[in-house]
Structures are given as structure tokens and as C-alpha cells.
Amino acid sequence: MSFFNGLFGRKRDSSAELAKQRLLTVLIDDRYKLTPEMMAQLKADLAEVLQRYLPAIDAEQIEVTLSRGEAHDLLKADVPLRRAAEPPSKR
């Protein structure tokens, strides 16, 4: 299978690339001084505010990450919404 992966361009991240990504994560965290407790509080606050407007928010599933973009750093929140049961269609 590795022959086909090499042939069709599938590339696995090298350990150097993985180490680089981890270092960037540490540097970003250090720059903004966000402790794990602060990130958890930020997540809880976001859930509280969003639930005022969108009751379908699943607060336990919210993921907040801080990453490095090309021009600036990014704070990203993935907020899954529970789907309401669809009403039966009229035919």
C-alpha cells in the first residue's frame, strides 16, 4: 500500500512537521497567556452567550482552539447545533 500512497501523492506528516506544529501551538499559547482554566472559562462564557440566541447549542461539544494563521493568529470556536426533529411532511 505504501507504493500506491507514494505514487498518488499521499504524504504523511513527518516528525519534524509535527514538532513544528506543536512548537507553534506552544508559542501562541505563551503569547496570549491563556491557561487551560482560562480556555475552559472562555468556552463556558461563549456557550452561555450563544445559548441566549440559539437554544440548540450543545455546550458540551463546543471546541475552542487558538492557532497561527498566515497573517494573524486565530481563535476558532466550533459550535455544533443539535438538529430539531423535522415535522412530518404534508402530502
Protein backbone atom coordinates (compact mmCIF):
# COMPACT_ATOMS: atom_id res chain seq x y z
CA MET A 1 0.00 0.00 0.00
CA SER A 2 2.87 2.40 0.67
CA PHE A 3 3.78 2.13 -3.02
CA PHE A 4 0.35 3.46 -4.02
CA ASN A 5 0.45 6.17 -1.36
CA GLY A 6 3.78 7.38 -2.72
CA LEU A 7 2.60 7.06 -6.30
CA PHE A 8 -0.57 9.09 -5.79
CA GLY A 9 0.96 11.77 -3.62
CA ARG A 10 -0.40 10.84 -0.21
CA LYS A 11 2.03 12.21 2.27
CA ARG A 12 2.17 11.65 5.98
CA ASP A 13 3.33 14.42 8.25
CA SER A 14 6.95 13.94 9.15
CA SER A 15 8.01 14.06 12.77
CA ALA A 16 9.75 17.38 12.04
CA GLU A 17 6.50 18.89 10.72
CA LEU A 18 4.59 17.58 13.72
CA ALA A 19 7.20 19.04 16.10
CA LYS A 20 6.98 22.38 14.27
CA GLN A 21 3.19 22.47 14.68
CA ARG A 22 3.46 21.65 18.37
CA LEU A 23 6.06 24.38 18.87
CA LEU A 24 3.83 26.93 17.12
CA THR A 25 0.95 25.93 19.40
CA VAL A 26 3.12 26.42 22.48
CA LEU A 27 4.34 29.82 21.22
CA ILE A 28 0.80 31.02 20.53
CA ASP A 29 -0.39 29.86 23.95
CA ASP A 30 2.58 31.62 25.54
CA ARG A 31 1.95 34.83 23.61
CA TYR A 32 -1.63 35.19 24.81
CA LYS A 33 -1.06 33.74 28.30
CA LEU A 34 -4.18 31.59 28.06
CA THR A 35 -4.11 28.87 30.69
CA PRO A 36 -6.24 25.74 30.31
CA GLU A 37 -8.54 27.15 33.00
CA MET A 38 -8.95 30.39 31.06
CA MET A 39 -9.74 28.46 27.86
CA ALA A 40 -12.36 26.43 29.75
CA GLN A 41 -13.92 29.63 31.12
CA LEU A 42 -13.89 31.18 27.64
CA LYS A 43 -15.68 28.11 26.31
CA ALA A 44 -18.28 28.29 29.09
CA ASP A 45 -18.85 32.02 28.53
CA LEU A 46 -19.24 31.52 24.77
CA ALA A 47 -21.77 28.74 25.36
CA GLU A 48 -23.75 30.92 27.78
CA VAL A 49 -23.97 33.85 25.37
CA LEU A 50 -24.71 31.73 22.30
CA GLN A 51 -27.47 29.82 24.09
CA ARG A 52 -29.35 33.09 24.54
CA TYR A 53 -29.76 33.30 20.77
CA LEU A 54 -29.51 29.68 19.69
CA PRO A 55 -31.10 27.28 22.17
CA ALA A 56 -29.99 24.32 20.04
CA ILE A 57 -26.36 24.74 21.13
CA ASP A 58 -24.73 21.64 22.55
CA ALA A 59 -22.43 23.32 25.09
CA GLU A 60 -20.56 20.10 25.90
CA GLN A 61 -19.43 19.76 22.28
CA ILE A 62 -18.02 23.28 21.77
CA GLU A 63 -14.34 23.28 20.85
CA VAL A 64 -12.23 26.44 21.18
CA THR A 65 -8.75 26.49 19.65
CA LEU A 66 -6.05 29.09 19.17
CA SER A 67 -3.90 28.68 16.06
CA ARG A 68 -1.48 30.56 13.87
CA GLY A 69 -2.71 31.85 10.53
CA GLU A 70 -0.66 33.30 7.68
CA ALA A 71 -1.23 36.97 8.56
CA HIS A 72 -2.54 36.71 12.12
CA ASP A 73 -3.40 34.32 14.92
CA LEU A 74 -6.86 32.76 15.02
CA LEU A 75 -9.26 31.99 17.83
CA LYS A 76 -11.65 29.40 16.42
CA ALA A 77 -14.82 28.11 18.03
CA ASP A 78 -16.55 25.06 16.58
CA VAL A 79 -20.12 25.19 17.84
CA PRO A 80 -22.25 22.16 16.94
CA LEU A 81 -26.00 22.71 16.86
CA ARG A 82 -28.49 20.00 17.76
CA ARG A 83 -30.93 19.38 14.98
CA ALA A 84 -34.57 19.69 15.84
CA ALA A 85 -36.82 16.84 14.85
CA GLU A 86 -38.24 17.62 11.46
CA PRO A 87 -42.03 17.90 11.32
CA PRO A 88 -43.73 15.30 9.14
CA SER A 89 -44.16 16.44 5.58
CA LYS A 90 -47.66 17.10 4.27
CA ARG A 91 -48.54 15.19 1.16
